[in-house]
Amino acid sequence: MEEKSESTQQSIGLFILAGIHMVVLIGLQLSGALSDMMVSAIAWFVGMMVATWCVLKAVIPLLSSTER
């Protein structure tokens, strides 16, 4: 039981990390810190890759641990 709650906490932490990452990306874009088009494209590509990785790493264990 303790292991299940620990993995759930890790999944929640990864969701929060992905959300913070997206807020930072949007904030950088709106503040004009990513003014160059190439820098903006690279930042968004890498940022979306990291956010997707965090969400997938959080969701896959939750889906595999659900009891039918």
PDB file of N, CA and C in Angstrom:
ATOM      1  N   MET A   1       0.826  -1.195   0.000  1.00  0.00           N
ATOM      2  CA  MET A   1       0.000   0.000   0.000  1.00  0.00           C
ATOM      3  C   MET A   1       0.866   1.253   0.000  1.00  0.00           C
ATOM      4  N   GLU A   2       1.951   1.204   0.761  1.00  0.00           N
ATOM      5  CA  GLU A   2       2.841   2.354   0.854  1.00  0.00           C
ATOM      6  C   GLU A   2       3.502   2.651  -0.493  1.00  0.00           C
ATOM      7  N   GLU A   3       3.827   1.592  -1.243  1.00  0.00           N
ATOM      8  CA  GLU A   3       4.462   1.764  -2.547  1.00  0.00           C
ATOM      9  C   GLU A   3       3.506   2.426  -3.536  1.00  0.00           C
ATOM     10  N   LYS A   4       2.218   2.082  -3.450  1.00  0.00           N
ATOM     11  CA  LYS A   4       1.221   2.661  -4.343  1.00  0.00           C
ATOM     12  C   LYS A   4       1.053   4.153  -4.077  1.00  0.00           C
ATOM     13  N   SER A   5       1.019   4.547  -2.810  1.00  0.00           N
ATOM     14  CA  SER A   5       0.869   5.968  -2.497  1.00  0.00           C
ATOM     15  C   SER A   5       2.122   6.746  -2.888  1.00  0.00           C
ATOM     16  N   GLU A   6       3.280   6.095  -2.796  1.00  0.00           N
ATOM     17  CA  GLU A   6       4.522   6.753  -3.196  1.00  0.00           C
ATOM     18  C   GLU A   6       4.547   6.992  -4.703  1.00  0.00           C
ATOM     19  N   SER A   7       4.091   6.024  -5.483  1.00  0.00           N
ATOM     20  CA  SER A   7       4.066   6.204  -6.933  1.00  0.00           C
ATOM     21  C   SER A   7       3.014   7.234  -7.334  1.00  0.00           C
ATOM     22  N   THR A   8       1.907   7.294  -6.592  1.00  0.00           N
ATOM     23  CA  THR A   8       0.895   8.309  -6.864  1.00  0.00           C
ATOM     24  C   THR A   8       1.443   9.698  -6.569  1.00  0.00           C
ATOM     25  N   GLN A   9       2.186   9.839  -5.477  1.00  0.00           N
ATOM     26  CA  GLN A   9       2.798  11.127  -5.156  1.00  0.00           C
ATOM     27  C   GLN A   9       3.807  11.534  -6.224  1.00  0.00           C
ATOM     28  N   GLN A  10       4.565  10.574  -6.741  1.00  0.00           N
ATOM     29  CA  GLN A  10       5.525  10.877  -7.794  1.00  0.00           C
ATOM     30  C   GLN A  10       4.794  11.325  -9.064  1.00  0.00           C
ATOM     31  N   SER A  11       3.689  10.683  -9.384  1.00  0.00           N
ATOM     32  CA  SER A  11       2.914  11.069 -10.564  1.00  0.00           C
ATOM     33  C   SER A  11       2.352  12.477 -10.414  1.00  0.00           C
ATOM     34  N   ILE A  12       1.849  12.784  -9.233  1.00  0.00           N
ATOM     35  CA  ILE A  12       1.324  14.127  -8.986  1.00  0.00           C
ATOM     36  C   ILE A  12       2.440  15.159  -9.101  1.00  0.00           C
ATOM     37  N   GLY A  13       3.612  14.830  -8.569  1.00  0.00           N
ATOM     38  CA  GLY A  13       4.758  15.728  -8.682  1.00  0.00           C
ATOM     39  C   GLY A  13       5.161  15.970 -10.125  1.00  0.00           C
ATOM     40  N   LEU A  14       5.106  14.931 -10.955  1.00  0.00           N
ATOM     41  CA  LEU A  14       5.452  15.096 -12.366  1.00  0.00           C
ATOM     42  C   LEU A  14       4.421  15.949 -13.097  1.00  0.00           C
ATOM     43  N   PHE A  15       3.125  15.791 -12.757  1.00  0.00           N
ATOM     44  CA  PHE A  15       2.099  16.653 -13.344  1.00  0.00           C
ATOM     45  C   PHE A  15       2.341  18.111 -12.963  1.00  0.00           C
ATOM     46  N   ILE A  16       2.672  18.350 -11.704  1.00  0.00           N
ATOM     47  CA  ILE A  16       2.946  19.715 -11.244  1.00  0.00           C
ATOM     48  C   ILE A  16       4.168  20.276 -11.965  1.00  0.00           C
ATOM     49  N   LEU A  17       5.214  19.466 -12.119  1.00  0.00           N
ATOM     50  CA  LEU A  17       6.413  19.899 -12.830  1.00  0.00           C
ATOM     51  C   LEU A  17       6.102  20.259 -14.280  1.00  0.00           C
ATOM     52  N   ALA A  18       5.284  19.456 -14.946  1.00  0.00           N
ATOM     53  CA  ALA A  18       4.904  19.756 -16.328  1.00  0.00           C
ATOM     54  C   ALA A  18       4.110  21.058 -16.397  1.00  0.00           C
ATOM     55  N   GLY A  19       3.216  21.266 -15.440  1.00  0.00           N
ATOM     56  CA  GLY A  19       2.438  22.502 -15.413  1.00  0.00           C
ATOM     57  C   GLY A  19       3.300  23.726 -15.180  1.00  0.00           C
ATOM     58  N   ILE A  20       4.231  23.630 -14.249  1.00  0.00           N
ATOM     59  CA  ILE A  20       5.145  24.749 -13.984  1.00  0.00           C
ATOM     60  C   ILE A  20       5.983  25.040 -15.220  1.00  0.00           C
ATOM     61  N   HIS A  21       6.423  23.988 -15.882  1.00  0.00           N
ATOM     62  CA  HIS A  21       7.237  24.152 -17.084  1.00  0.00           C
ATOM     63  C   HIS A  21       6.463  24.902 -18.170  1.00  0.00           C
ATOM     64  N   MET A  22       5.196  24.564 -18.354  1.00  0.00           N
ATOM     65  CA  MET A  22       4.385  25.242 -19.364  1.00  0.00           C
ATOM     66  C   MET A  22       4.137  26.703 -18.987  1.00  0.00           C
ATOM     67  N   VAL A  23       3.909  26.970 -17.709  1.00  0.00           N
ATOM     68  CA  VAL A  23       3.704  28.353 -17.269  1.00  0.00           C
ATOM     69  C   VAL A  23       4.963  29.182 -17.511  1.00  0.00           C
ATOM     70  N   VAL A  24       6.132  28.602 -17.248  1.00  0.00           N
ATOM     71  CA  VAL A  24       7.393  29.312 -17.491  1.00  0.00           C
ATOM     72  C   VAL A  24       7.573  29.592 -18.976  1.00  0.00           C
ATOM     73  N   LEU A  25       7.285  28.611 -19.828  1.00  0.00           N
ATOM     74  CA  LEU A  25       7.413  28.827 -21.270  1.00  0.00           C
ATOM     75  C   LEU A  25       6.492  29.940 -21.764  1.00  0.00           C
ATOM     76  N   ILE A  26       5.245  29.908 -21.317  1.00  0.00           N
ATOM     77  CA  ILE A  26       4.291  30.939 -21.733  1.00  0.00           C
ATOM     78  C   ILE A  26       4.712  32.298 -21.188  1.00  0.00           C
ATOM     79  N   GLY A  27       5.182  32.336 -19.949  1.00  0.00           N
ATOM     80  CA  GLY A  27       5.655  33.594 -19.371  1.00  0.00           C
ATOM     81  C   GLY A  27       6.844  34.166 -20.113  1.00  0.00           C
ATOM     82  N   LEU A  28       7.786  33.310 -20.485  1.00  0.00           N
ATOM     83  CA  LEU A  28       8.937  33.780 -21.259  1.00  0.00           C
ATOM     84  C   LEU A  28       8.507  34.317 -22.619  1.00  0.00           C
ATOM     85  N   GLN A  29       7.559  33.656 -23.247  1.00  0.00           N
ATOM     86  CA  GLN A  29       7.088  34.101 -24.560  1.00  0.00           C
ATOM     87  C   GLN A  29       6.378  35.446 -24.448  1.00  0.00           C
ATOM     88  N   LEU A  30       5.508  35.580 -23.451  1.00  0.00           N
ATOM     89  CA  LEU A  30       4.746  36.822 -23.303  1.00  0.00           C
ATOM     90  C   LEU A  30       5.609  37.992 -22.841  1.00  0.00           C
ATOM     91  N   SER A  31       6.656  37.712 -22.081  1.00  0.00           N
ATOM     92  CA  SER A  31       7.509  38.798 -21.600  1.00  0.00           C
ATOM     93  C   SER A  31       8.478  39.286 -22.671  1.00  0.00           C
ATOM     94  N   GLY A  32       8.609  38.544 -23.739  1.00  0.00           N
ATOM     95  CA  GLY A  32       9.509  38.957 -24.811  1.00  0.00           C
ATOM     96  C   GLY A  32      10.918  38.442 -24.644  1.00  0.00           C
ATOM     97  N   ALA A  33      11.135  37.571 -23.672  1.00  0.00           N
ATOM     98  CA  ALA A  33      12.478  37.027 -23.461  1.00  0.00           C
ATOM     99  C   ALA A  33      12.893  36.128 -24.620  1.00  0.00           C
ATOM    100  N   LEU A  34      11.908  35.539 -25.290  1.00  0.00           N
ATOM    101  CA  LEU A  34      12.191  34.698 -26.447  1.00  0.00           C
ATOM    102  C   LEU A  34      11.865  35.489 -27.715  1.00  0.00           C
ATOM    103  N   SER A  35      12.578  36.591 -27.926  1.00  0.00           N
ATOM    104  CA  SER A  35      12.244  37.482 -29.032  1.00  0.00           C
ATOM    105  C   SER A  35      12.728  36.958 -30.379  1.00  0.00           C
ATOM    106  N   ASP A  36      13.848  36.262 -30.402  1.00  0.00           N
ATOM    107  CA  ASP A  36      14.363  35.718 -31.650  1.00  0.00           C
ATOM    108  C   ASP A  36      13.523  34.505 -32.047  1.00  0.00           C
ATOM    109  N   MET A  37      13.166  34.419 -33.317  1.00  0.00           N
ATOM    110  CA  MET A  37      12.292  33.344 -33.767  1.00  0.00           C
ATOM    111  C   MET A  37      12.934  31.962 -33.603  1.00  0.00           C
ATOM    112  N   MET A  38      14.228  31.846 -33.873  1.00  0.00           N
ATOM    113  CA  MET A  38      14.908  30.554 -33.760  1.00  0.00           C
ATOM    114  C   MET A  38      15.000  30.123 -32.294  1.00  0.00           C
ATOM    115  N   VAL A  39      15.339  31.049 -31.408  1.00  0.00           N
ATOM    116  CA  VAL A  39      15.418  30.737 -29.978  1.00  0.00           C
ATOM    117  C   VAL A  39      14.040  30.340 -29.459  1.00  0.00           C
ATOM    118  N   SER A  40      13.026  31.040 -29.917  1.00  0.00           N
ATOM    119  CA  SER A  40      11.661  30.725 -29.501  1.00  0.00           C
ATOM    120  C   SER A  40      11.256  29.324 -29.954  1.00  0.00           C
ATOM    121  N   ALA A  41      11.580  28.977 -31.192  1.00  0.00           N
ATOM    122  CA  ALA A  41      11.228  27.653 -31.713  1.00  0.00           C
ATOM    123  C   ALA A  41      11.957  26.551 -30.952  1.00  0.00           C
ATOM    124  N   ILE A  42      13.234  26.753 -30.680  1.00  0.00           N
ATOM    125  CA  ILE A  42      14.011  25.751 -29.942  1.00  0.00           C
ATOM    126  C   ILE A  42      13.475  25.600 -28.525  1.00  0.00           C
ATOM    127  N   ALA A  43      13.189  26.734 -27.865  1.00  0.00           N
ATOM    128  CA  ALA A  43      12.678  26.686 -26.492  1.00  0.00           C
ATOM    129  C   ALA A  43      11.337  25.967 -26.431  1.00  0.00           C
ATOM    130  N   TRP A  44      10.448  26.248 -27.366  1.00  0.00           N
ATOM    131  CA  TRP A  44       9.150  25.582 -27.367  1.00  0.00           C
ATOM    132  C   TRP A  44       9.277  24.105 -27.687  1.00  0.00           C
ATOM    133  N   PHE A  45      10.153  23.748 -28.622  1.00  0.00           N
ATOM    134  CA  PHE A  45      10.336  22.338 -28.967  1.00  0.00           C
ATOM    135  C   PHE A  45      10.861  21.556 -27.770  1.00  0.00           C
ATOM    136  N   VAL A  46      11.911  22.062 -27.147  1.00  0.00           N
ATOM    137  CA  VAL A  46      12.496  21.380 -25.988  1.00  0.00           C
ATOM    138  C   VAL A  46      11.516  21.394 -24.814  1.00  0.00           C
ATOM    139  N   GLY A  47      10.856  22.512 -24.609  1.00  0.00           N
ATOM    140  CA  GLY A  47       9.900  22.622 -23.509  1.00  0.00           C
ATOM    141  C   GLY A  47       8.731  21.662 -23.647  1.00  0.00           C
ATOM    142  N   MET A  48       8.200  21.550 -24.842  1.00  0.00           N
ATOM    143  CA  MET A  48       7.088  20.625 -25.058  1.00  0.00           C
ATOM    144  C   MET A  48       7.550  19.176 -24.945  1.00  0.00           C
ATOM    145  N   MET A  49       8.792  18.904 -25.354  1.00  0.00           N
ATOM    146  CA  MET A  49       9.329  17.557 -25.204  1.00  0.00           C
ATOM    147  C   MET A  49       9.428  17.182 -23.726  1.00  0.00           C
ATOM    148  N   VAL A  50       9.946  18.100 -22.910  1.00  0.00           N
ATOM    149  CA  VAL A  50      10.089  17.836 -21.475  1.00  0.00           C
ATOM    150  C   VAL A  50       8.715  17.681 -20.815  1.00  0.00           C
ATOM    151  N   ALA A  51       7.781  18.554 -21.158  1.00  0.00           N
ATOM    152  CA  ALA A  51       6.440  18.468 -20.571  1.00  0.00           C
ATOM    153  C   ALA A  51       5.749  17.165 -20.971  1.00  0.00           C
ATOM    154  N   THR A  52       5.896  16.765 -22.227  1.00  0.00           N
ATOM    155  CA  THR A  52       5.302  15.505 -22.680  1.00  0.00           C
ATOM    156  C   THR A  52       5.923  14.321 -21.964  1.00  0.00           C
ATOM    157  N   TRP A  53       7.228  14.353 -21.781  1.00  0.00           N
ATOM    158  CA  TRP A  53       7.913  13.272 -21.067  1.00  0.00           C
ATOM    159  C   TRP A  53       7.398  13.173 -19.632  1.00  0.00           C
ATOM    160  N   CYS A  54       7.249  14.320 -18.969  1.00  0.00           N
ATOM    161  CA  CYS A  54       6.758  14.315 -17.581  1.00  0.00           C
ATOM    162  C   CYS A  54       5.347  13.745 -17.498  1.00  0.00           C
ATOM    163  N   VAL A  55       4.476  14.164 -18.409  1.00  0.00           N
ATOM    164  CA  VAL A  55       3.094  13.687 -18.375  1.00  0.00           C
ATOM    165  C   VAL A  55       3.037  12.190 -18.672  1.00  0.00           C
ATOM    166  N   LEU A  56       3.782  11.738 -19.683  1.00  0.00           N
ATOM    167  CA  LEU A  56       3.777  10.306 -19.995  1.00  0.00           C
ATOM    168  C   LEU A  56       4.352   9.481 -18.850  1.00  0.00           C
ATOM    169  N   LYS A  57       5.413   9.973 -18.233  1.00  0.00           N
ATOM    170  CA  LYS A  57       6.024   9.256 -17.113  1.00  0.00           C
ATOM    171  C   LYS A  57       5.061   9.198 -15.926  1.00  0.00           C
ATOM    172  N   ALA A  58       4.175  10.159 -15.809  1.00  0.00           N
ATOM    173  CA  ALA A  58       3.193  10.162 -14.724  1.00  0.00           C
ATOM    174  C   ALA A  58       1.978   9.298 -15.051  1.00  0.00           C
ATOM    175  N   VAL A  59       1.540   9.294 -16.307  1.00  0.00           N
ATOM    176  CA  VAL A  59       0.291   8.624 -16.670  1.00  0.00           C
ATOM    177  C   VAL A  59       0.466   7.120 -16.859  1.00  0.00           C
ATOM    178  N   ILE A  60       1.551   6.695 -17.476  1.00  0.00           N
ATOM    179  CA  ILE A  60       1.726   5.268 -17.789  1.00  0.00           C
ATOM    180  C   ILE A  60       1.682   4.388 -16.533  1.00  0.00           C
ATOM    181  N   PRO A  61       2.397   4.727 -15.448  1.00  0.00           N
ATOM    182  CA  PRO A  61       2.273   3.882 -14.244  1.00  0.00           C
ATOM    183  C   PRO A  61       0.864   3.895 -13.638  1.00  0.00           C
ATOM    184  N   LEU A  62       0.184   5.036 -13.733  1.00  0.00           N
ATOM    185  CA  LEU A  62      -1.183   5.089 -13.203  1.00  0.00           C
ATOM    186  C   LEU A  62      -2.111   4.182 -13.999  1.00  0.00           C
ATOM    187  N   LEU A  63      -1.940   4.160 -15.313  1.00  0.00           N
ATOM    188  CA  LEU A  63      -2.790   3.308 -16.147  1.00  0.00           C
ATOM    189  C   LEU A  63      -2.475   1.831 -15.956  1.00  0.00           C
ATOM    190  N   SER A  64      -1.207   1.514 -15.769  1.00  0.00           N
ATOM    191  CA  SER A  64      -0.842   0.107 -15.625  1.00  0.00           C
ATOM    192  C   SER A  64      -1.182  -0.441 -14.238  1.00  0.00           C
ATOM    193  N   SER A  65      -1.333   0.434 -13.252  1.00  0.00           N
ATOM    194  CA  SER A  65      -1.613  -0.039 -11.895  1.00  0.00           C
ATOM    195  C   SER A  65      -3.100  -0.104 -11.574  1.00  0.00           C
ATOM    196  N   THR A  66      -3.954   0.342 -12.491  1.00  0.00           N
ATOM    197  CA  THR A  66      -5.390   0.295 -12.210  1.00  0.00           C
ATOM    198  C   THR A  66      -5.875  -1.138 -12.248  1.00  0.00           C
ATOM    199  N   GLU A  67      -6.667  -1.479 -11.255  1.00  0.00           N
ATOM    200  CA  GLU A  67      -7.219  -2.827 -11.171  1.00  0.00           C
ATOM    201  C   GLU A  67      -8.564  -2.853 -11.874  1.00  0.00           C
ATOM    202  N   ARG A  68      -8.798  -3.909 -12.593  1.00  0.00           N
ATOM    203  CA  ARG A  68     -10.051  -4.010 -13.356  1.00  0.00           C
ATOM    204  C   ARG A  68     -11.100  -4.722 -12.556  1.00  0.00           C
TER     205      ARG A  68
END
